[in-house]
Amino acid sequence: MRQVLSVISLLLAAVLAATALAGFQINQLLREQEPIAQIAGDLPQQEGFSELVTETLMTELESELPGGLTNLLGDAADSTVDSIVASMLENEGVDAAWDETLQGTRADYTAQLETLFEQGTTGDASDLDLPVDLSPMSEAMTEPLREGLDSALGWLPFVDTSSFEFLAPELVVDIEATLGEGADPYTWALLAEVSRHWLVLAVSAGVLAALGLLLGPGRSRWVALTLGGLLAVGLGLLGVFAISAPEFGAVAGEANAALANHVQSRFTEWAQPAWWIFTAAAGAAVVVGLLGSVAARSSRRGSRRRDLDR
């Protein structure tokens, strides 16, 4: 009975340890500033970002400009605005504005998941759509232009400088969630809630590991440690090649796809090392278990020989 309990305890410890690591990373993404800045902080410098902002900006400006004018300009307007946006992204205030956008989006999305956990979901993947407010970027990028127009034309009595604010419209981009068929959004909300308690999971894993080693009689404890370590190695490799290397699925548009690939690559760079360390630690546990098992068998044989010699 003690042998079975030892094995079960160490197997559960492996599962809880992997869950604690996943929860720790999810909690960091949702509730800490540094990870999201590390993953997506340099997006404004990536190819395709200005195209995305241009597309959104033109959509907003079409409602402000006369329809005939936008039709007349056509593609020329898009290319002109694209080049202007690209130069505007070099503004010193853009980096601070992008960080504000990232942190605001992170906080809002965390609150969205917490609300889904408390109130439930419709079951539709759209519950997890991510709205990204680019308004701080719009303001930072167009601030030099608006200040220039204000300085050049503000002295004219018939010019209302507040009208220049249309150059800094509110920009909100909705990023659709790409979930597998049959996936339940509530599962993701539950993961976000469970991630709060990653430390409890880690401590529980440690307690179960110690309990499993104490319960196992003789060589059995080392066999149980080996089995638990092997399970942890498997979970660690799952984390290395699946959890920390997710596929975002098909993304419409070349620019969006390039940005998604960049974010995916940066996420892997951030998340994967911890899973490699976890896998290596689990492998070390397997080695210790095997060595302990061999040592226990040798000790047992030596004890039997001494008994026979007597």
C-alpha atoms as a PDB file:
ATOM      1  CA  MET A   1       0.000   0.000   0.000  1.00  0.00           C
ATOM      2  CA  ARG A   2       2.821   2.386   0.850  1.00  0.00           C
ATOM      3  CA  GLN A   3       4.414   1.630  -2.502  1.00  0.00           C
ATOM      4  CA  VAL A   4       1.241   2.585  -4.374  1.00  0.00           C
ATOM      5  CA  LEU A   5       0.809   5.767  -2.345  1.00  0.00           C
ATOM      6  CA  SER A   6       4.430   6.690  -2.977  1.00  0.00           C
ATOM      7  CA  VAL A   7       4.035   6.317  -6.734  1.00  0.00           C
ATOM      8  CA  ILE A   8       0.732   8.227  -6.792  1.00  0.00           C
ATOM      9  CA  SER A   9       2.188  11.051  -4.686  1.00  0.00           C
ATOM     10  CA  LEU A  10       5.203  11.511  -6.942  1.00  0.00           C
ATOM     11  CA  LEU A  11       3.132  11.323 -10.124  1.00  0.00           C
ATOM     12  CA  LEU A  12       0.773  13.975  -8.753  1.00  0.00           C
ATOM     13  CA  ALA A  13       3.786  16.050  -7.720  1.00  0.00           C
ATOM     14  CA  ALA A  14       5.033  15.983 -11.328  1.00  0.00           C
ATOM     15  CA  VAL A  15       1.639  17.109 -12.661  1.00  0.00           C
ATOM     16  CA  LEU A  16       1.299  19.873 -10.067  1.00  0.00           C
ATOM     17  CA  ALA A  17       4.855  21.090 -10.691  1.00  0.00           C
ATOM     18  CA  ALA A  18       4.213  21.427 -14.436  1.00  0.00           C
ATOM     19  CA  THR A  19       0.859  23.101 -13.746  1.00  0.00           C
ATOM     20  CA  ALA A  20       2.539  25.514 -11.338  1.00  0.00           C
ATOM     21  CA  LEU A  21       5.091  26.528 -13.986  1.00  0.00           C
ATOM     22  CA  ALA A  22       2.381  27.063 -16.589  1.00  0.00           C
ATOM     23  CA  GLY A  23       0.337  29.024 -14.051  1.00  0.00           C
ATOM     24  CA  PHE A  24       3.356  31.127 -13.129  1.00  0.00           C
ATOM     25  CA  GLN A  25       3.906  32.120 -16.750  1.00  0.00           C
ATOM     26  CA  ILE A  26       0.226  32.851 -17.377  1.00  0.00           C
ATOM     27  CA  ASN A  27       0.083  34.951 -14.212  1.00  0.00           C
ATOM     28  CA  GLN A  28       3.147  36.897 -15.333  1.00  0.00           C
ATOM     29  CA  LEU A  29       1.650  37.579 -18.755  1.00  0.00           C
ATOM     30  CA  LEU A  30      -1.627  38.773 -17.286  1.00  0.00           C
ATOM     31  CA  ARG A  31      -0.487  40.593 -14.165  1.00  0.00           C
ATOM     32  CA  GLU A  32       3.135  41.676 -14.649  1.00  0.00           C
ATOM     33  CA  GLN A  33       4.392  44.447 -16.943  1.00  0.00           C
ATOM     34  CA  GLU A  34       7.782  43.081 -17.999  1.00  0.00           C
ATOM     35  CA  PRO A  35       6.855  39.890 -19.956  1.00  0.00           C
ATOM     36  CA  ILE A  36       4.432  41.541 -22.363  1.00  0.00           C
ATOM     37  CA  ALA A  37       6.897  44.387 -22.931  1.00  0.00           C
ATOM     38  CA  GLN A  38       9.631  41.849 -23.695  1.00  0.00           C
ATOM     39  CA  ILE A  39       7.405  39.928 -26.108  1.00  0.00           C
ATOM     40  CA  ALA A  40       5.711  42.763 -28.005  1.00  0.00           C
ATOM     41  CA  GLY A  41       7.575  45.901 -26.979  1.00  0.00           C
ATOM     42  CA  ASP A  42       9.399  46.316 -30.288  1.00  0.00           C
ATOM     43  CA  LEU A  43       6.430  45.745 -32.606  1.00  0.00           C
ATOM     44  CA  PRO A  44       6.396  49.382 -33.839  1.00  0.00           C
ATOM     45  CA  GLN A  45       9.853  48.752 -35.345  1.00  0.00           C
ATOM     46  CA  GLN A  46       8.681  45.665 -37.237  1.00  0.00           C
ATOM     47  CA  GLU A  47       7.812  45.585 -40.901  1.00  0.00           C
ATOM     48  CA  GLY A  48       4.058  45.555 -41.353  1.00  0.00           C
ATOM     49  CA  PHE A  49       3.193  47.523 -38.228  1.00  0.00           C
ATOM     50  CA  SER A  50       2.941  50.845 -40.087  1.00  0.00           C
ATOM     51  CA  GLU A  51       0.735  49.133 -42.682  1.00  0.00           C
ATOM     52  CA  LEU A  52      -1.612  47.925 -39.948  1.00  0.00           C
ATOM     53  CA  VAL A  53      -1.786  51.382 -38.371  1.00  0.00           C
ATOM     54  CA  THR A  54      -2.272  52.981 -41.794  1.00  0.00           C
ATOM     55  CA  GLU A  55      -5.190  50.703 -42.612  1.00  0.00           C
ATOM     56  CA  THR A  56      -6.868  51.512 -39.310  1.00  0.00           C
ATOM     57  CA  LEU A  57      -6.080  55.212 -39.602  1.00  0.00           C
ATOM     58  CA  MET A  58      -7.505  55.477 -43.119  1.00  0.00           C
ATOM     59  CA  THR A  59     -10.680  53.726 -42.012  1.00  0.00           C
ATOM     60  CA  GLU A  60     -11.138  56.313 -39.286  1.00  0.00           C
ATOM     61  CA  LEU A  61     -10.220  59.288 -41.471  1.00  0.00           C
ATOM     62  CA  GLU A  62     -12.701  58.284 -44.166  1.00  0.00           C
ATOM     63  CA  SER A  63     -15.464  59.240 -41.769  1.00  0.00           C
ATOM     64  CA  GLU A  64     -13.860  62.646 -41.235  1.00  0.00           C
ATOM     65  CA  LEU A  65     -12.883  63.559 -44.812  1.00  0.00           C
ATOM     66  CA  PRO A  66     -15.346  64.267 -47.639  1.00  0.00           C
ATOM     67  CA  GLY A  67     -16.241  61.085 -49.468  1.00  0.00           C
ATOM     68  CA  GLY A  68     -15.357  62.519 -52.860  1.00  0.00           C
ATOM     69  CA  LEU A  69     -11.891  63.410 -51.671  1.00  0.00           C
ATOM     70  CA  THR A  70     -11.090  59.942 -50.376  1.00  0.00           C
ATOM     71  CA  ASN A  71     -12.404  58.348 -53.579  1.00  0.00           C
ATOM     72  CA  LEU A  72     -10.309  60.715 -55.660  1.00  0.00           C
ATOM     73  CA  LEU A  73      -7.135  59.970 -53.741  1.00  0.00           C
ATOM     74  CA  GLY A  74      -7.691  56.209 -53.682  1.00  0.00           C
ATOM     75  CA  ASP A  75      -4.548  54.093 -53.448  1.00  0.00           C
ATOM     76  CA  ALA A  76      -2.370  57.185 -53.566  1.00  0.00           C
ATOM     77  CA  ALA A  77      -3.783  58.226 -50.212  1.00  0.00           C
ATOM     78  CA  ASP A  78      -2.974  54.831 -48.719  1.00  0.00           C
ATOM     79  CA  SER A  79       0.635  54.875 -49.907  1.00  0.00           C
ATOM     80  CA  THR A  80       1.096  58.485 -48.833  1.00  0.00           C
ATOM     81  CA  VAL A  81      -0.335  57.884 -45.391  1.00  0.00           C
ATOM     82  CA  ASP A  82       1.725  54.697 -45.103  1.00  0.00           C
ATOM     83  CA  SER A  83       4.954  56.610 -45.698  1.00  0.00           C
ATOM     84  CA  ILE A  84       3.854  59.342 -43.286  1.00  0.00           C
ATOM     85  CA  VAL A  85       2.947  56.781 -40.616  1.00  0.00           C
ATOM     86  CA  ALA A  86       6.316  55.044 -41.065  1.00  0.00           C
ATOM     87  CA  SER A  87       8.125  58.317 -40.421  1.00  0.00           C
ATOM     88  CA  MET A  88       5.836  59.143 -37.514  1.00  0.00           C
ATOM     89  CA  LEU A  89       6.726  55.855 -35.849  1.00  0.00           C
ATOM     90  CA  GLU A  90      10.235  57.242 -35.380  1.00  0.00           C
ATOM     91  CA  ASN A  91       8.842  59.846 -32.985  1.00  0.00           C
ATOM     92  CA  GLU A  92      10.441  59.540 -29.532  1.00  0.00           C
ATOM     93  CA  GLY A  93       7.050  59.479 -27.808  1.00  0.00           C
ATOM     94  CA  VAL A  94       5.860  56.443 -29.775  1.00  0.00           C
ATOM     95  CA  ASP A  95       7.719  53.904 -27.619  1.00  0.00           C
ATOM     96  CA  ALA A  96       6.128  55.259 -24.433  1.00  0.00           C
ATOM     97  CA  ALA A  97       2.721  55.352 -26.135  1.00  0.00           C
ATOM     98  CA  TRP A  98       3.098  51.755 -27.326  1.00  0.00           C
ATOM     99  CA  ASP A  99       4.047  50.631 -23.820  1.00  0.00           C
ATOM    100  CA  GLU A 100       0.921  52.397 -22.538  1.00  0.00           C
ATOM    101  CA  THR A 101      -1.126  50.554 -25.149  1.00  0.00           C
ATOM    102  CA  LEU A 102       0.418  47.197 -24.224  1.00  0.00           C
ATOM    103  CA  GLN A 103      -0.054  47.593 -20.492  1.00  0.00           C
ATOM    104  CA  GLY A 104      -3.582  48.952 -20.891  1.00  0.00           C
ATOM    105  CA  THR A 105      -4.505  46.050 -23.168  1.00  0.00           C
ATOM    106  CA  ARG A 106      -2.994  43.548 -20.736  1.00  0.00           C
ATOM    107  CA  ALA A 107      -4.922  44.978 -17.780  1.00  0.00           C
ATOM    108  CA  ASP A 108      -8.184  45.190 -19.729  1.00  0.00           C
ATOM    109  CA  TYR A 109      -7.863  41.644 -21.043  1.00  0.00           C
ATOM    110  CA  THR A 110      -7.126  40.296 -17.586  1.00  0.00           C
ATOM    111  CA  ALA A 111     -10.262  42.014 -16.305  1.00  0.00           C
ATOM    112  CA  GLN A 112     -12.176  40.567 -19.279  1.00  0.00           C
ATOM    113  CA  LEU A 113     -11.078  37.016 -18.410  1.00  0.00           C
ATOM    114  CA  GLU A 114     -11.913  37.523 -14.734  1.00  0.00           C
ATOM    115  CA  THR A 115     -15.383  38.717 -15.716  1.00  0.00           C
ATOM    116  CA  LEU A 116     -15.872  35.663 -17.940  1.00  0.00           C
ATOM    117  CA  PHE A 117     -14.852  33.429 -15.045  1.00  0.00           C
ATOM    118  CA  GLU A 118     -17.324  35.088 -12.669  1.00  0.00           C
ATOM    119  CA  GLN A 119     -20.262  35.534 -15.038  1.00  0.00           C
ATOM    120  CA  GLY A 120     -19.744  32.720 -17.533  1.00  0.00           C
ATOM    121  CA  THR A 121     -19.444  32.834 -21.313  1.00  0.00           C
ATOM    122  CA  THR A 122     -21.681  32.460 -24.338  1.00  0.00           C
ATOM    123  CA  GLY A 123     -19.507  29.583 -25.518  1.00  0.00           C
ATOM    124  CA  ASP A 124     -18.515  31.556 -28.606  1.00  0.00           C
ATOM    125  CA  ALA A 125     -14.816  32.160 -29.319  1.00  0.00           C
ATOM    126  CA  SER A 126     -15.616  35.850 -29.823  1.00  0.00           C
ATOM    127  CA  ASP A 127     -15.796  36.135 -26.028  1.00  0.00           C
ATOM    128  CA  LEU A 128     -11.995  36.024 -26.130  1.00  0.00           C
ATOM    129  CA  ASP A 129     -11.513  38.615 -28.884  1.00  0.00           C
ATOM    130  CA  LEU A 130      -8.784  41.046 -27.905  1.00  0.00           C
ATOM    131  CA  PRO A 131      -9.425  44.787 -28.417  1.00  0.00           C
ATOM    132  CA  VAL A 132      -6.183  46.757 -28.765  1.00  0.00           C
ATOM    133  CA  ASP A 133      -6.545  50.505 -28.170  1.00  0.00           C
ATOM    134  CA  LEU A 134      -4.045  52.300 -30.399  1.00  0.00           C
ATOM    135  CA  SER A 135      -5.268  55.767 -29.407  1.00  0.00           C
ATOM    136  CA  PRO A 136      -2.105  56.597 -27.396  1.00  0.00           C
ATOM    137  CA  MET A 137      -0.094  55.722 -30.514  1.00  0.00           C
ATOM    138  CA  SER A 138      -2.321  57.914 -32.654  1.00  0.00           C
ATOM    139  CA  GLU A 139      -1.814  60.852 -30.310  1.00  0.00           C
ATOM    140  CA  ALA A 140       1.953  60.412 -30.019  1.00  0.00           C
ATOM    141  CA  MET A 141       2.487  59.950 -33.758  1.00  0.00           C
ATOM    142  CA  THR A 142       0.459  62.981 -34.817  1.00  0.00           C
ATOM    143  CA  GLU A 143       1.488  65.303 -31.990  1.00  0.00           C
ATOM    144  CA  PRO A 144       4.305  66.995 -33.984  1.00  0.00           C
ATOM    145  CA  LEU A 145       1.966  67.481 -36.951  1.00  0.00           C
ATOM    146  CA  ARG A 146      -0.826  68.909 -34.834  1.00  0.00           C
ATOM    147  CA  GLU A 147       1.566  71.203 -32.995  1.00  0.00           C
ATOM    148  CA  GLY A 148       3.010  72.377 -36.323  1.00  0.00           C
ATOM    149  CA  LEU A 149      -0.439  73.152 -37.710  1.00  0.00           C
ATOM    150  CA  ASP A 150      -1.381  74.917 -34.499  1.00  0.00           C
ATOM    151  CA  SER A 151       1.775  77.038 -34.644  1.00  0.00           C
ATOM    152  CA  ALA A 152       1.417  77.823 -38.358  1.00  0.00           C
ATOM    153  CA  LEU A 153      -2.331  78.448 -38.508  1.00  0.00           C
ATOM    154  CA  GLY A 154      -3.407  79.007 -34.943  1.00  0.00           C
ATOM    155  CA  TRP A 155      -2.987  82.774 -35.200  1.00  0.00           C
ATOM    156  CA  LEU A 156      -5.672  83.010 -37.888  1.00  0.00           C
ATOM    157  CA  PRO A 157      -8.963  84.115 -36.320  1.00  0.00           C
ATOM    158  CA  PHE A 158     -11.094  81.880 -38.515  1.00  0.00           C
ATOM    159  CA  VAL A 159      -9.095  78.705 -37.769  1.00  0.00           C
ATOM    160  CA  ASP A 160     -10.355  76.472 -34.981  1.00  0.00           C
ATOM    161  CA  THR A 161      -7.249  74.632 -33.750  1.00  0.00           C
ATOM    162  CA  SER A 162      -9.410  72.033 -32.014  1.00  0.00           C
ATOM    163  CA  SER A 163     -10.403  70.805 -35.478  1.00  0.00           C
ATOM    164  CA  PHE A 164      -6.903  69.383 -35.858  1.00  0.00           C
ATOM    165  CA  GLU A 165      -7.815  66.730 -33.299  1.00  0.00           C
ATOM    166  CA  PHE A 166      -9.344  64.643 -36.092  1.00  0.00           C
ATOM    167  CA  LEU A 167      -5.737  63.828 -37.043  1.00  0.00           C
ATOM    168  CA  ALA A 168      -5.487  61.819 -33.797  1.00  0.00           C
ATOM    169  CA  PRO A 169      -8.615  59.637 -33.925  1.00  0.00           C
ATOM    170  CA  GLU A 170      -9.381  56.857 -31.491  1.00  0.00           C
ATOM    171  CA  LEU A 171      -7.994  53.667 -32.997  1.00  0.00           C
ATOM    172  CA  VAL A 172      -9.161  50.301 -31.706  1.00  0.00           C
ATOM    173  CA  VAL A 173      -8.140  47.072 -33.439  1.00  0.00           C
ATOM    174  CA  ASP A 174     -10.104  43.917 -32.617  1.00  0.00           C
ATOM    175  CA  ILE A 175      -7.934  40.799 -32.754  1.00  0.00           C
ATOM    176  CA  GLU A 176     -10.077  37.709 -33.187  1.00  0.00           C
ATOM    177  CA  ALA A 177      -9.351  34.712 -30.987  1.00  0.00           C
ATOM    178  CA  THR A 178      -8.181  31.668 -32.967  1.00  0.00           C
ATOM    179  CA  LEU A 179      -9.395  28.681 -30.967  1.00  0.00           C
ATOM    180  CA  GLY A 180      -9.697  25.114 -32.092  1.00  0.00           C
ATOM    181  CA  GLU A 181     -13.101  23.749 -33.045  1.00  0.00           C
ATOM    182  CA  GLY A 182     -15.145  22.969 -29.952  1.00  0.00           C
ATOM    183  CA  ALA A 183     -12.856  24.933 -27.601  1.00  0.00           C
ATOM    184  CA  ASP A 184     -14.641  26.522 -24.661  1.00  0.00           C
ATOM    185  CA  PRO A 185     -13.682  30.140 -23.815  1.00  0.00           C
ATOM    186  CA  TYR A 186     -14.507  29.427 -20.166  1.00  0.00           C
ATOM    187  CA  THR A 187     -11.524  27.055 -20.058  1.00  0.00           C
ATOM    188  CA  TRP A 188      -9.218  29.988 -20.778  1.00  0.00           C
ATOM    189  CA  ALA A 189     -10.958  32.102 -18.149  1.00  0.00           C
ATOM    190  CA  LEU A 190     -10.519  29.231 -15.680  1.00  0.00           C
ATOM    191  CA  LEU A 191      -6.805  28.990 -16.512  1.00  0.00           C
ATOM    192  CA  ALA A 192      -6.433  32.709 -15.874  1.00  0.00           C
ATOM    193  CA  GLU A 193      -8.055  32.314 -12.466  1.00  0.00           C
ATOM    194  CA  VAL A 194      -6.060  29.195 -11.522  1.00  0.00           C
ATOM    195  CA  SER A 195      -2.828  30.968 -12.485  1.00  0.00           C
ATOM    196  CA  ARG A 196      -3.315  33.260  -9.504  1.00  0.00           C
ATOM    197  CA  HIS A 197      -2.577  30.277  -7.257  1.00  0.00           C
ATOM    198  CA  TRP A 198       0.591  29.011  -8.957  1.00  0.00           C
ATOM    199  CA  LEU A 199       2.577  29.290  -5.711  1.00  0.00           C
ATOM    200  CA  VAL A 200       0.071  27.076  -3.880  1.00  0.00           C
ATOM    201  CA  LEU A 201       0.420  24.522  -6.671  1.00  0.00           C
ATOM    202  CA  ALA A 202       4.226  24.654  -6.458  1.00  0.00           C
ATOM    203  CA  VAL A 203       4.227  24.183  -2.678  1.00  0.00           C
ATOM    204  CA  SER A 204       1.732  21.323  -2.989  1.00  0.00           C
ATOM    205  CA  ALA A 205       3.998  19.658  -5.549  1.00  0.00           C
ATOM    206  CA  GLY A 206       6.933  19.895  -3.138  1.00  0.00           C
ATOM    207  CA  VAL A 207       4.909  18.480  -0.259  1.00  0.00           C
ATOM    208  CA  LEU A 208       3.673  15.553  -2.362  1.00  0.00           C
ATOM    209  CA  ALA A 209       7.202  14.832  -3.605  1.00  0.00           C
ATOM    210  CA  ALA A 210       8.539  14.734  -0.040  1.00  0.00           C
ATOM    211  CA  LEU A 211       5.584  12.617   1.076  1.00  0.00           C
ATOM    212  CA  GLY A 212       6.140  10.162  -1.773  1.00  0.00           C
ATOM    213  CA  LEU A 213       9.803   9.736  -0.867  1.00  0.00           C
ATOM    214  CA  LEU A 214       8.993   9.241   2.799  1.00  0.00           C
ATOM    215  CA  LEU A 215       6.202   6.739   2.161  1.00  0.00           C
ATOM    216  CA  GLY A 216       8.163   4.529  -0.226  1.00  0.00           C
ATOM    217  CA  PRO A 217       9.813   1.603   1.561  1.00  0.00           C
ATOM    218  CA  GLY A 218      13.408   0.887   0.552  1.00  0.00           C
ATOM    219  CA  ARG A 219      13.974   0.619  -3.188  1.00  0.00           C
ATOM    220  CA  SER A 220      10.330   1.453  -3.928  1.00  0.00           C
ATOM    221  CA  ARG A 221      10.814   5.137  -3.204  1.00  0.00           C
ATOM    222  CA  TRP A 222      13.489   5.355  -5.889  1.00  0.00           C
ATOM    223  CA  VAL A 223      11.319   3.528  -8.389  1.00  0.00           C
ATOM    224  CA  ALA A 224       8.496   5.967  -7.588  1.00  0.00           C
ATOM    225  CA  LEU A 225      10.887   8.909  -8.019  1.00  0.00           C
ATOM    226  CA  THR A 226      11.978   7.563 -11.391  1.00  0.00           C
ATOM    227  CA  LEU A 227       8.370   7.208 -12.561  1.00  0.00           C
ATOM    228  CA  GLY A 228       7.469  10.676 -11.335  1.00  0.00           C
ATOM    229  CA  GLY A 229      10.574  12.095 -13.010  1.00  0.00           C
ATOM    230  CA  LEU A 230       9.736  10.406 -16.306  1.00  0.00           C
ATOM    231  CA  LEU A 231       6.238  11.895 -16.224  1.00  0.00           C
ATOM    232  CA  ALA A 232       7.715  15.316 -15.432  1.00  0.00           C
ATOM    233  CA  VAL A 233      10.142  14.955 -18.357  1.00  0.00           C
ATOM    234  CA  GLY A 234       7.216  14.228 -20.664  1.00  0.00           C
ATOM    235  CA  LEU A 235       5.286  17.231 -19.364  1.00  0.00           C
ATOM    236  CA  GLY A 236       8.393  19.385 -19.650  1.00  0.00           C
ATOM    237  CA  LEU A 237       8.895  18.412 -23.298  1.00  0.00           C
ATOM    238  CA  LEU A 238       5.225  19.169 -23.901  1.00  0.00           C
ATOM    239  CA  GLY A 239       5.879  22.614 -22.482  1.00  0.00           C
ATOM    240  CA  VAL A 240       8.979  23.071 -24.629  1.00  0.00           C
ATOM    241  CA  PHE A 241       7.443  22.083 -27.963  1.00  0.00           C
ATOM    242  CA  ALA A 242       3.747  22.918 -27.482  1.00  0.00           C
ATOM    243  CA  ILE A 243       2.954  25.301 -24.633  1.00  0.00           C
ATOM    244  CA  SER A 244       5.897  27.628 -25.233  1.00  0.00           C
ATOM    245  CA  ALA A 245       5.692  27.328 -29.026  1.00  0.00           C
ATOM    246  CA  PRO A 246       2.007  27.899 -29.843  1.00  0.00           C
ATOM    247  CA  GLU A 247       0.643  28.293 -33.339  1.00  0.00           C
ATOM    248  CA  PHE A 248      -1.681  31.264 -33.744  1.00  0.00           C
ATOM    249  CA  GLY A 249      -3.385  29.770 -36.749  1.00  0.00           C
ATOM    250  CA  ALA A 250      -4.170  31.504 -40.024  1.00  0.00           C
ATOM    251  CA  VAL A 251      -3.958  35.298 -39.869  1.00  0.00           C
ATOM    252  CA  ALA A 252      -5.468  37.428 -42.616  1.00  0.00           C
ATOM    253  CA  GLY A 253      -3.057  39.722 -44.443  1.00  0.00           C
ATOM    254  CA  GLU A 254       0.696  39.515 -44.934  1.00  0.00           C
ATOM    255  CA  ALA A 255       1.392  42.356 -42.527  1.00  0.00           C
ATOM    256  CA  ASN A 256      -0.708  40.799 -39.766  1.00  0.00           C
ATOM    257  CA  ALA A 257       0.870  37.392 -40.379  1.00  0.00           C
ATOM    258  CA  ALA A 258       4.387  38.856 -40.111  1.00  0.00           C
ATOM    259  CA  LEU A 259       3.523  40.575 -36.841  1.00  0.00           C
ATOM    260  CA  ALA A 260       1.887  37.408 -35.472  1.00  0.00           C
ATOM    261  CA  ASN A 261       4.993  35.386 -36.347  1.00  0.00           C
ATOM    262  CA  HIS A 262       7.172  37.953 -34.605  1.00  0.00           C
ATOM    263  CA  VAL A 263       5.061  37.816 -31.438  1.00  0.00           C
ATOM    264  CA  GLN A 264       5.034  34.011 -31.544  1.00  0.00           C
ATOM    265  CA  SER A 265       8.825  33.924 -31.870  1.00  0.00           C
ATOM    266  CA  ARG A 266       9.330  36.371 -29.003  1.00  0.00           C
ATOM    267  CA  PHE A 267       6.882  34.455 -26.813  1.00  0.00           C
ATOM    268  CA  THR A 268       8.830  31.258 -27.406  1.00  0.00           C
ATOM    269  CA  GLU A 269      12.097  33.008 -26.563  1.00  0.00           C
ATOM    270  CA  TRP A 270      10.541  34.189 -23.296  1.00  0.00           C
ATOM    271  CA  ALA A 271       8.686  31.033 -22.241  1.00  0.00           C
ATOM    272  CA  GLN A 272      10.820  28.149 -23.512  1.00  0.00           C
ATOM    273  CA  PRO A 273      13.931  28.450 -21.277  1.00  0.00           C
ATOM    274  CA  ALA A 274      11.894  27.839 -18.106  1.00  0.00           C
ATOM    275  CA  TRP A 275      10.487  24.632 -19.607  1.00  0.00           C
ATOM    276  CA  TRP A 276      13.957  23.456 -20.621  1.00  0.00           C
ATOM    277  CA  ILE A 277      15.104  24.010 -17.027  1.00  0.00           C
ATOM    278  CA  PHE A 278      12.042  22.126 -15.757  1.00  0.00           C
ATOM    279  CA  THR A 279      12.775  19.236 -18.126  1.00  0.00           C
ATOM    280  CA  ALA A 280      16.423  19.141 -17.082  1.00  0.00           C
ATOM    281  CA  ALA A 281      15.448  19.091 -13.392  1.00  0.00           C
ATOM    282  CA  ALA A 282      12.998  16.274 -14.077  1.00  0.00           C
ATOM    283  CA  GLY A 283      15.718  14.378 -15.930  1.00  0.00           C
ATOM    284  CA  ALA A 284      18.012  14.841 -12.931  1.00  0.00           C
ATOM    285  CA  ALA A 285      15.270  13.353 -10.728  1.00  0.00           C
ATOM    286  CA  VAL A 286      15.110  10.339 -13.048  1.00  0.00           C
ATOM    287  CA  VAL A 287      18.890   9.873 -12.795  1.00  0.00           C
ATOM    288  CA  VAL A 288      18.772  10.167  -8.984  1.00  0.00           C
ATOM    289  CA  GLY A 289      15.924   7.663  -8.882  1.00  0.00           C
ATOM    290  CA  LEU A 290      17.817   5.169 -11.046  1.00  0.00           C
ATOM    291  CA  LEU A 291      21.022   5.559  -9.046  1.00  0.00           C
ATOM    292  CA  GLY A 292      19.104   5.254  -5.775  1.00  0.00           C
ATOM    293  CA  SER A 293      17.366   2.135  -7.071  1.00  0.00           C
ATOM    294  CA  VAL A 294      20.684   0.541  -8.078  1.00  0.00           C
ATOM    295  CA  ALA A 295      22.267   1.491  -4.761  1.00  0.00           C
ATOM    296  CA  ALA A 296      19.305   0.103  -2.824  1.00  0.00           C
ATOM    297  CA  ARG A 297      19.455  -3.172  -4.795  1.00  0.00           C
ATOM    298  CA  SER A 298      23.208  -3.474  -4.204  1.00  0.00           C
ATOM    299  CA  SER A 299      22.739  -2.760  -0.510  1.00  0.00           C
ATOM    300  CA  ARG A 300      20.004  -5.366  -0.320  1.00  0.00           C
ATOM    301  CA  ARG A 301      22.174  -7.995  -2.048  1.00  0.00           C
ATOM    302  CA  GLY A 302      25.060  -7.179   0.269  1.00  0.00           C
ATOM    303  CA  SER A 303      22.788  -7.573   3.276  1.00  0.00           C
ATOM    304  CA  ARG A 304      21.596 -10.955   2.016  1.00  0.00           C
ATOM    305  CA  ARG A 305      25.183 -12.167   1.510  1.00  0.00           C
ATOM    306  CA  ARG A 306      26.111 -11.139   5.011  1.00  0.00           C
ATOM    307  CA  ASP A 307      23.115 -13.036   6.337  1.00  0.00           C
ATOM    308  CA  LEU A 308      24.124 -16.131   4.382  1.00  0.00           C
ATOM    309  CA  ASP A 309      27.720 -15.890   5.626  1.00  0.00           C
ATOM    310  CA  ARG A 310      26.462 -15.954   9.177  1.00  0.00           C
END
